[in-house]
PDB file of all heavy atoms in Angstrom:
ATOM      1  N   PRO A   1       0.811  -1.233   0.004  1.00  0.00           N
ATOM      2  CA  PRO A   1       0.005  -0.009  -0.008  1.00  0.00           C
ATOM      3  C   PRO A   1       0.835   1.274  -0.002  1.00  0.00           C
ATOM      4  O   PRO A   1       0.313   2.349  -0.310  1.00  0.00           O
ATOM      5  CB  PRO A   1      -0.834  -0.107   1.277  1.00  0.00           C
ATOM      6  CG  PRO A   1      -0.075  -1.050   2.154  1.00  0.00           C
ATOM      7  CD  PRO A   1       0.581  -2.027   1.242  1.00  0.00           C
ATOM      8  N   GLU A   2       2.128   1.194   0.335  1.00  0.00           N
ATOM      9  CA  GLU A   2       2.983   2.380   0.393  1.00  0.00           C
ATOM     10  C   GLU A   2       3.781   2.511  -0.901  1.00  0.00           C
ATOM     11  O   GLU A   2       4.104   1.513  -1.541  1.00  0.00           O
ATOM     12  CB  GLU A   2       3.928   2.296   1.584  1.00  0.00           C
ATOM     13  CG  GLU A   2       3.239   2.250   2.934  1.00  0.00           C
ATOM     14  CD  GLU A   2       2.435   3.491   3.205  1.00  0.00           C
ATOM     15  OE1 GLU A   2       2.866   4.586   2.779  1.00  0.00           O
ATOM     16  OE2 GLU A   2       1.354   3.373   3.840  1.00  0.00           O
ATOM     17  N   PRO A   3       4.108   3.750  -1.303  1.00  0.00           N
ATOM     18  CA  PRO A   3       4.924   3.963  -2.503  1.00  0.00           C
ATOM     19  C   PRO A   3       6.303   3.305  -2.356  1.00  0.00           C
ATOM     20  O   PRO A   3       6.837   3.169  -1.246  1.00  0.00           O
ATOM     21  CB  PRO A   3       5.029   5.459  -2.606  1.00  0.00           C
ATOM     22  CG  PRO A   3       3.912   6.006  -1.782  1.00  0.00           C
ATOM     23  CD  PRO A   3       3.703   5.031  -0.673  1.00  0.00           C
ATOM     24  N   ARG A   4       6.883   2.923  -3.461  1.00  0.00           N
ATOM     25  CA  ARG A   4       8.231   2.350  -3.482  1.00  0.00           C
ATOM     26  C   ARG A   4       9.041   3.014  -4.593  1.00  0.00           C
ATOM     27  O   ARG A   4       8.466   3.555  -5.546  1.00  0.00           O
ATOM     28  CB  ARG A   4       8.216   0.844  -3.729  1.00  0.00           C
ATOM     29  CG  ARG A   4       7.112   0.077  -3.106  1.00  0.00           C
ATOM     30  CD  ARG A   4       7.130   0.101  -1.617  1.00  0.00           C
ATOM     31  NE  ARG A   4       8.001  -0.909  -1.036  1.00  0.00           N
ATOM     32  CZ  ARG A   4       7.939  -1.254   0.265  1.00  0.00           C
ATOM     33  NH1 ARG A   4       7.031  -0.673   1.053  1.00  0.00           N
ATOM     34  NH2 ARG A   4       8.736  -2.169   0.760  1.00  0.00           N
ATOM     35  N   GLU A   5      10.332   2.899  -4.485  1.00  0.00           N
ATOM     36  CA  GLU A   5      11.209   3.280  -5.601  1.00  0.00           C
ATOM     37  C   GLU A   5      11.721   2.008  -6.237  1.00  0.00           C
ATOM     38  O   GLU A   5      12.278   1.145  -5.553  1.00  0.00           O
ATOM     39  CB  GLU A   5      12.378   4.144  -5.133  1.00  0.00           C
ATOM     40  CG  GLU A   5      13.234   4.616  -6.339  1.00  0.00           C
ATOM     41  CD  GLU A   5      14.254   5.659  -5.948  1.00  0.00           C
ATOM     42  OE1 GLU A   5      15.346   5.251  -5.508  1.00  0.00           O
ATOM     43  OE2 GLU A   5      13.964   6.865  -6.091  1.00  0.00           O
ATOM     44  N   VAL A   6      11.527   1.901  -7.537  1.00  0.00           N
ATOM     45  CA  VAL A   6      11.873   0.693  -8.284  1.00  0.00           C
ATOM     46  C   VAL A   6      13.173   0.912  -9.016  1.00  0.00           C
ATOM     47  O   VAL A   6      13.362   1.987  -9.642  1.00  0.00           O
ATOM     48  CB  VAL A   6      10.754   0.308  -9.274  1.00  0.00           C
ATOM     49  CG1 VAL A   6      11.093  -0.982  -9.972  1.00  0.00           C
ATOM     50  CG2 VAL A   6       9.432   0.213  -8.570  1.00  0.00           C
ATOM     51  N   ALA A   7      14.024  -0.088  -9.014  1.00  0.00           N
ATOM     52  CA  ALA A   7      15.275  -0.027  -9.775  1.00  0.00           C
ATOM     53  C   ALA A   7      15.554  -1.409 -10.350  1.00  0.00           C
ATOM     54  O   ALA A   7      15.603  -2.398  -9.612  1.00  0.00           O
ATOM     55  CB  ALA A   7      16.426   0.428  -8.907  1.00  0.00           C
ATOM     56  N   PHE A   8      15.715  -1.476 -11.660  1.00  0.00           N
ATOM     57  CA  PHE A   8      15.975  -2.773 -12.290  1.00  0.00           C
ATOM     58  C   PHE A   8      16.592  -2.573 -13.689  1.00  0.00           C
ATOM     59  O   PHE A   8      16.463  -1.517 -14.289  1.00  0.00           O
ATOM     60  CB  PHE A   8      14.700  -3.603 -12.412  1.00  0.00           C
ATOM     61  CG  PHE A   8      13.635  -2.983 -13.276  1.00  0.00           C
ATOM     62  CD1 PHE A   8      13.570  -3.236 -14.624  1.00  0.00           C
ATOM     63  CD2 PHE A   8      12.686  -2.113 -12.736  1.00  0.00           C
ATOM     64  CE1 PHE A   8      12.588  -2.660 -15.436  1.00  0.00           C
ATOM     65  CE2 PHE A   8      11.714  -1.531 -13.531  1.00  0.00           C
ATOM     66  CZ  PHE A   8      11.662  -1.805 -14.880  1.00  0.00           C
ATOM     67  N   ARG A   9      17.217  -3.616 -14.169  1.00  0.00           N
ATOM     68  CA  ARG A   9      17.702  -3.672 -15.561  1.00  0.00           C
ATOM     69  C   ARG A   9      16.706  -4.505 -16.345  1.00  0.00           C
ATOM     70  O   ARG A   9      16.155  -5.468 -15.830  1.00  0.00           O
ATOM     71  CB  ARG A   9      19.100  -4.259 -15.631  1.00  0.00           C
ATOM     72  CG  ARG A   9      20.167  -3.374 -15.035  1.00  0.00           C
ATOM     73  CD  ARG A   9      21.576  -4.018 -15.171  1.00  0.00           C
ATOM     74  NE  ARG A   9      22.615  -3.094 -14.775  1.00  0.00           N
ATOM     75  CZ  ARG A   9      23.038  -2.906 -13.522  1.00  0.00           C
ATOM     76  NH1 ARG A   9      22.454  -3.580 -12.544  1.00  0.00           N
ATOM     77  NH2 ARG A   9      23.980  -2.055 -13.261  1.00  0.00           N
ATOM     78  N   THR A  10      16.517  -4.146 -17.606  1.00  0.00           N
ATOM     79  CA  THR A  10      15.506  -4.846 -18.408  1.00  0.00           C
ATOM     80  C   THR A  10      15.965  -6.222 -18.854  1.00  0.00           C
ATOM     81  O   THR A  10      15.161  -7.058 -19.229  1.00  0.00           O
ATOM     82  CB  THR A  10      15.126  -4.014 -19.650  1.00  0.00           C
ATOM     83  OG1 THR A  10      16.305  -3.727 -20.399  1.00  0.00           O
ATOM     84  CG2 THR A  10      14.462  -2.717 -19.238  1.00  0.00           C
ATOM     85  N   GLY A  11      17.306  -6.454 -18.842  1.00  0.00           N
ATOM     86  CA  GLY A  11      17.796  -7.797 -19.071  1.00  0.00           C
ATOM     87  C   GLY A  11      17.907  -8.233 -20.518  1.00  0.00           C
ATOM     88  O   GLY A  11      18.203  -9.390 -20.792  1.00  0.00           O
ATOM     89  N   GLY A  12      17.679  -7.344 -21.478  1.00  0.00           N
ATOM     90  CA  GLY A  12      17.762  -7.723 -22.893  1.00  0.00           C
ATOM     91  C   GLY A  12      19.108  -7.374 -23.506  1.00  0.00           C
ATOM     92  O   GLY A  12      20.022  -6.882 -22.851  1.00  0.00           O
ATOM     93  N   ASP A  13      19.236  -7.639 -24.820  1.00  0.00           N
ATOM     94  CA  ASP A  13      20.463  -7.370 -25.545  1.00  0.00           C
ATOM     95  C   ASP A  13      20.796  -5.879 -25.537  1.00  0.00           C
ATOM     96  O   ASP A  13      21.954  -5.476 -25.547  1.00  0.00           O
ATOM     97  CB  ASP A  13      20.390  -7.865 -26.981  1.00  0.00           C
ATOM     98  CG  ASP A  13      20.259  -9.379 -27.036  1.00  0.00           C
ATOM     99  OD1 ASP A  13      20.703 -10.028 -26.053  1.00  0.00           O
ATOM    100  OD2 ASP A  13      19.747  -9.906 -28.029  1.00  0.00           O
ATOM    101  N   GLY A  14      19.732  -5.067 -25.535  1.00  0.00           N
ATOM    102  CA  GLY A  14      19.965  -3.625 -25.580  1.00  0.00           C
ATOM    103  C   GLY A  14      19.948  -2.996 -24.208  1.00  0.00           C
ATOM    104  O   GLY A  14      19.708  -1.807 -24.044  1.00  0.00           O
ATOM    105  N   ASP A  15      20.204  -3.802 -23.161  1.00  0.00           N
ATOM    106  CA  ASP A  15      20.166  -3.307 -21.786  1.00  0.00           C
ATOM    107  C   ASP A  15      21.057  -2.079 -21.628  1.00  0.00           C
ATOM    108  O   ASP A  15      22.235  -2.112 -21.988  1.00  0.00           O
ATOM    109  CB  ASP A  15      20.606  -4.407 -20.850  1.00  0.00           C
ATOM    110  CG  ASP A  15      20.327  -4.059 -19.392  1.00  0.00           C
ATOM    111  OD1 ASP A  15      19.541  -3.136 -19.161  1.00  0.00           O
ATOM    112  OD2 ASP A  15      20.924  -4.729 -18.524  1.00  0.00           O
ATOM    113  N   GLY A  16      20.499  -1.018 -21.109  1.00  0.00           N
ATOM    114  CA  GLY A  16      21.256   0.219 -20.922  1.00  0.00           C
ATOM    115  C   GLY A  16      20.941   1.232 -21.961  1.00  0.00           C
ATOM    116  O   GLY A  16      21.265   2.417 -21.798  1.00  0.00           O
ATOM    117  N   ASP A  17      20.317   0.813 -23.080  1.00  0.00           N
ATOM    118  CA  ASP A  17      20.037   1.730 -24.174  1.00  0.00           C
ATOM    119  C   ASP A  17      18.558   1.966 -24.363  1.00  0.00           C
ATOM    120  O   ASP A  17      18.156   2.960 -24.968  1.00  0.00           O
ATOM    121  CB  ASP A  17      20.609   1.200 -25.485  1.00  0.00           C
ATOM    122  CG  ASP A  17      22.123   0.976 -25.401  1.00  0.00           C
ATOM    123  OD1 ASP A  17      22.789   1.835 -24.773  1.00  0.00           O
ATOM    124  OD2 ASP A  17      22.609  -0.013 -25.927  1.00  0.00           O
ATOM    125  N   ASP A  18      17.710   1.028 -23.907  1.00  0.00           N
ATOM    126  CA  ASP A  18      16.316   1.061 -24.307  1.00  0.00           C
ATOM    127  C   ASP A  18      15.452   1.941 -23.436  1.00  0.00           C
ATOM    128  O   ASP A  18      15.544   1.915 -22.194  1.00  0.00           O
ATOM    129  CB  ASP A  18      15.739  -0.373 -24.296  1.00  0.00           C
ATOM    130  CG  ASP A  18      16.289  -1.221 -25.414  1.00  0.00           C
ATOM    131  OD1 ASP A  18      16.533  -0.678 -26.501  1.00  0.00           O
ATOM    132  OD2 ASP A  18      16.503  -2.437 -25.170  1.00  0.00           O
ATOM    133  N   LEU A  19      14.582   2.688 -24.083  1.00  0.00           N
ATOM    134  CA  LEU A  19      13.570   3.484 -23.396  1.00  0.00           C
ATOM    135  C   LEU A  19      12.389   2.580 -23.073  1.00  0.00           C
ATOM    136  O   LEU A  19      12.001   1.725 -23.862  1.00  0.00           O
ATOM    137  CB  LEU A  19      13.120   4.616 -24.334  1.00  0.00           C
ATOM    138  CG  LEU A  19      11.959   5.486 -23.869  1.00  0.00           C
ATOM    139  CD1 LEU A  19      12.406   6.372 -22.721  1.00  0.00           C
ATOM    140  CD2 LEU A  19      11.450   6.338 -25.047  1.00  0.00           C
ATOM    141  N   LEU A  20      11.827   2.746 -21.877  1.00  0.00           N
ATOM    142  CA  LEU A  20      10.584   2.056 -21.519  1.00  0.00           C
ATOM    143  C   LEU A  20       9.443   3.014 -21.797  1.00  0.00           C
ATOM    144  O   LEU A  20       9.346   4.070 -21.202  1.00  0.00           O
ATOM    145  CB  LEU A  20      10.609   1.673 -20.042  1.00  0.00           C
ATOM    146  CG  LEU A  20      11.527   0.507 -19.639  1.00  0.00           C
ATOM    147  CD1 LEU A  20      11.469   0.295 -18.119  1.00  0.00           C
ATOM    148  CD2 LEU A  20      11.131  -0.772 -20.348  1.00  0.00           C
ATOM    149  N   VAL A  21       8.586   2.611 -22.758  1.00  0.00           N
ATOM    150  CA  VAL A  21       7.475   3.454 -23.185  1.00  0.00           C
ATOM    151  C   VAL A  21       6.218   3.067 -22.434  1.00  0.00           C
ATOM    152  O   VAL A  21       5.728   1.935 -22.523  1.00  0.00           O
ATOM    153  CB  VAL A  21       7.228   3.321 -24.708  1.00  0.00           C
ATOM    154  CG1 VAL A  21       6.080   4.218 -25.133  1.00  0.00           C
ATOM    155  CG2 VAL A  21       8.508   3.677 -25.468  1.00  0.00           C
ATOM    156  N   ASP A  22       5.680   3.976 -21.652  1.00  0.00           N
ATOM    157  CA  ASP A  22       4.485   3.749 -20.855  1.00  0.00           C
ATOM    158  C   ASP A  22       3.273   3.687 -21.787  1.00  0.00           C
ATOM    159  O   ASP A  22       2.892   4.700 -22.376  1.00  0.00           O
ATOM    160  CB  ASP A  22       4.342   4.875 -19.836  1.00  0.00           C
ATOM    161  CG  ASP A  22       3.215   4.647 -18.840  1.00  0.00           C
ATOM    162  OD1 ASP A  22       2.333   3.794 -19.104  1.00  0.00           O
ATOM    163  OD2 ASP A  22       3.194   5.320 -17.794  1.00  0.00           O
ATOM    164  N   VAL A  23       2.640   2.526 -21.901  1.00  0.00           N
ATOM    165  CA  VAL A  23       1.518   2.378 -22.825  1.00  0.00           C
ATOM    166  C   VAL A  23       0.185   2.750 -22.208  1.00  0.00           C
ATOM    167  O   VAL A  23      -0.824   2.836 -22.908  1.00  0.00           O
ATOM    168  CB  VAL A  23       1.449   0.924 -23.390  1.00  0.00           C
ATOM    169  CG1 VAL A  23       2.710   0.588 -24.167  1.00  0.00           C
ATOM    170  CG2 VAL A  23       1.182  -0.094 -22.281  1.00  0.00           C
ATOM    171  N   LEU A  24       0.163   3.000 -20.903  1.00  0.00           N
ATOM    172  CA  LEU A  24      -1.063   3.415 -20.232  1.00  0.00           C
ATOM    173  C   LEU A  24      -1.042   4.900 -19.852  1.00  0.00           C
ATOM    174  O   LEU A  24      -2.008   5.412 -19.298  1.00  0.00           O
ATOM    175  CB  LEU A  24      -1.293   2.574 -18.958  1.00  0.00           C
ATOM    176  CG  LEU A  24      -1.469   1.067 -19.157  1.00  0.00           C
ATOM    177  CD1 LEU A  24      -1.646   0.377 -17.799  1.00  0.00           C
ATOM    178  CD2 LEU A  24      -2.652   0.775 -20.057  1.00  0.00           C
ATOM    179  N   GLY A  25       0.060   5.568 -20.115  1.00  0.00           N
ATOM    180  CA  GLY A  25       0.174   6.979 -19.774  1.00  0.00           C
ATOM    181  C   GLY A  25       1.388   7.572 -20.469  1.00  0.00           C
ATOM    182  O   GLY A  25       1.812   7.101 -21.531  1.00  0.00           O
ATOM    183  N   ASP A  26       1.992   8.594 -19.836  1.00  0.00           N
ATOM    184  CA  ASP A  26       3.150   9.229 -20.454  1.00  0.00           C
ATOM    185  C   ASP A  26       4.353   9.247 -19.529  1.00  0.00           C
ATOM    186  O   ASP A  26       5.232  10.080 -19.653  1.00  0.00           O
ATOM    187  CB  ASP A  26       2.790  10.659 -20.896  1.00  0.00           C
ATOM    188  CG  ASP A  26       2.283  11.509 -19.731  1.00  0.00           C
ATOM    189  OD1 ASP A  26       2.260  11.008 -18.607  1.00  0.00           O
ATOM    190  OD2 ASP A  26       1.918  12.667 -19.966  1.00  0.00           O
ATOM    191  N   ARG A  27       4.368   8.301 -18.559  1.00  0.00           N
ATOM    192  CA  ARG A  27       5.494   8.255 -17.623  1.00  0.00           C
ATOM    193  C   ARG A  27       6.549   7.295 -18.148  1.00  0.00           C
ATOM    194  O   ARG A  27       6.778   6.220 -17.589  1.00  0.00           O
ATOM    195  CB  ARG A  27       4.995   7.850 -16.248  1.00  0.00           C
ATOM    196  CG  ARG A  27       4.037   8.869 -15.617  1.00  0.00           C
ATOM    197  CD  ARG A  27       3.497   8.376 -14.285  1.00  0.00           C
ATOM    198  NE  ARG A  27       2.616   7.204 -14.454  1.00  0.00           N
ATOM    199  CZ  ARG A  27       2.037   6.544 -13.448  1.00  0.00           C
ATOM    200  NH1 ARG A  27       2.239   6.972 -12.206  1.00  0.00           N
ATOM    201  NH2 ARG A  27       1.267   5.490 -13.670  1.00  0.00           N
ATOM    202  N   HIS A  28       7.225   7.678 -19.237  1.00  0.00           N
ATOM    203  CA  HIS A  28       8.247   6.839 -19.824  1.00  0.00           C
ATOM    204  C   HIS A  28       9.482   6.810 -18.916  1.00  0.00           C
ATOM    205  O   HIS A  28       9.661   7.673 -18.059  1.00  0.00           O
ATOM    206  CB  HIS A  28       8.627   7.373 -21.205  1.00  0.00           C
ATOM    207  CG  HIS A  28       7.449   7.687 -22.075  1.00  0.00           C
ATOM    208  ND1 HIS A  28       6.410   6.793 -22.287  1.00  0.00           N
ATOM    209  CD2 HIS A  28       7.096   8.834 -22.745  1.00  0.00           C
ATOM    210  CE1 HIS A  28       5.509   7.341 -23.090  1.00  0.00           C
ATOM    211  NE2 HIS A  28       5.892   8.595 -23.347  1.00  0.00           N
ATOM    212  N   SER A  29      10.331   5.839 -19.124  1.00  0.00           N
ATOM    213  CA  SER A  29      11.517   5.700 -18.282  1.00  0.00           C
ATOM    214  C   SER A  29      12.765   5.506 -19.157  1.00  0.00           C
ATOM    215  O   SER A  29      12.800   4.615 -20.031  1.00  0.00           O
ATOM    216  CB  SER A  29      11.370   4.510 -17.313  1.00  0.00           C
ATOM    217  OG  SER A  29      12.548   4.292 -16.596  1.00  0.00           O
ATOM    218  N   LYS A  30      13.784   6.331 -18.866  1.00  0.00           N
ATOM    219  CA  LYS A  30      15.072   6.176 -19.531  1.00  0.00           C
ATOM    220  C   LYS A  30      16.051   5.552 -18.543  1.00  0.00           C
ATOM    221  O   LYS A  30      16.049   5.888 -17.361  1.00  0.00           O
ATOM    222  CB  LYS A  30      15.603   7.544 -19.997  1.00  0.00           C
ATOM    223  CG  LYS A  30      14.809   8.171 -21.128  1.00  0.00           C
ATOM    224  CD  LYS A  30      15.441   9.487 -21.540  1.00  0.00           C
ATOM    225  CE  LYS A  30      14.657  10.129 -22.676  1.00  0.00           C
ATOM    226  NZ  LYS A  30      15.252  11.431 -23.122  1.00  0.00           N
ATOM    227  N   PRO A  31      16.922   4.675 -19.013  1.00  0.00           N
ATOM    228  CA  PRO A  31      17.887   4.066 -18.110  1.00  0.00           C
ATOM    229  C   PRO A  31      18.928   5.088 -17.646  1.00  0.00           C
ATOM    230  O   PRO A  31      19.266   6.027 -18.370  1.00  0.00           O
ATOM    231  CB  PRO A  31      18.521   2.972 -18.945  1.00  0.00           C
ATOM    232  CG  PRO A  31      18.361   3.410 -20.364  1.00  0.00           C
ATOM    233  CD  PRO A  31      17.058   4.141 -20.389  1.00  0.00           C
ATOM    234  N   GLY A  32      19.413   4.907 -16.417  1.00  0.00           N
ATOM    235  CA  GLY A  32      20.463   5.766 -15.892  1.00  0.00           C
ATOM    236  C   GLY A  32      21.826   5.368 -16.392  1.00  0.00           C
ATOM    237  O   GLY A  32      21.965   4.399 -17.177  1.00  0.00           O
ATOM    238  N   PRO A  33      22.846   6.066 -15.940  1.00  0.00           N
ATOM    239  CA  PRO A  33      24.216   5.753 -16.382  1.00  0.00           C
ATOM    240  C   PRO A  33      24.639   4.313 -16.070  1.00  0.00           C
ATOM    241  O   PRO A  33      25.470   3.741 -16.768  1.00  0.00           O
ATOM    242  CB  PRO A  33      25.056   6.750 -15.580  1.00  0.00           C
ATOM    243  CG  PRO A  33      24.126   7.874 -15.265  1.00  0.00           C
ATOM    244  CD  PRO A  33      22.786   7.244 -15.052  1.00  0.00           C
ATOM    245  N   ASP A  34      24.039   3.722 -15.032  1.00  0.00           N
ATOM    246  CA  ASP A  34      24.396   2.348 -14.680  1.00  0.00           C
ATOM    247  C   ASP A  34      23.561   1.306 -15.424  1.00  0.00           C
ATOM    248  O   ASP A  34      23.664   0.101 -15.176  1.00  0.00           O
ATOM    249  CB  ASP A  34      24.264   2.111 -13.179  1.00  0.00           C
ATOM    250  CG  ASP A  34      22.824   2.328 -12.675  1.00  0.00           C
ATOM    251  OD1 ASP A  34      21.982   2.761 -13.491  1.00  0.00           O
ATOM    252  OD2 ASP A  34      22.565   2.070 -11.487  1.00  0.00           O
ATOM    253  N   GLY A  35      22.718   1.800 -16.344  1.00  0.00           N
ATOM    254  CA  GLY A  35      21.899   0.890 -17.141  1.00  0.00           C
ATOM    255  C   GLY A  35      20.609   0.467 -16.484  1.00  0.00           C
ATOM    256  O   GLY A  35      19.831  -0.288 -17.053  1.00  0.00           O
TER     257      GLY A  35
END
């Protein structure tokens, strides 16, 4: 029930480069310097 901060790698071949496109809104996510 409480907010959390999420941190993860997507695990694919393009890990560190890929944008996560929010398909239910506009809160897209770009990877940080650590991927």
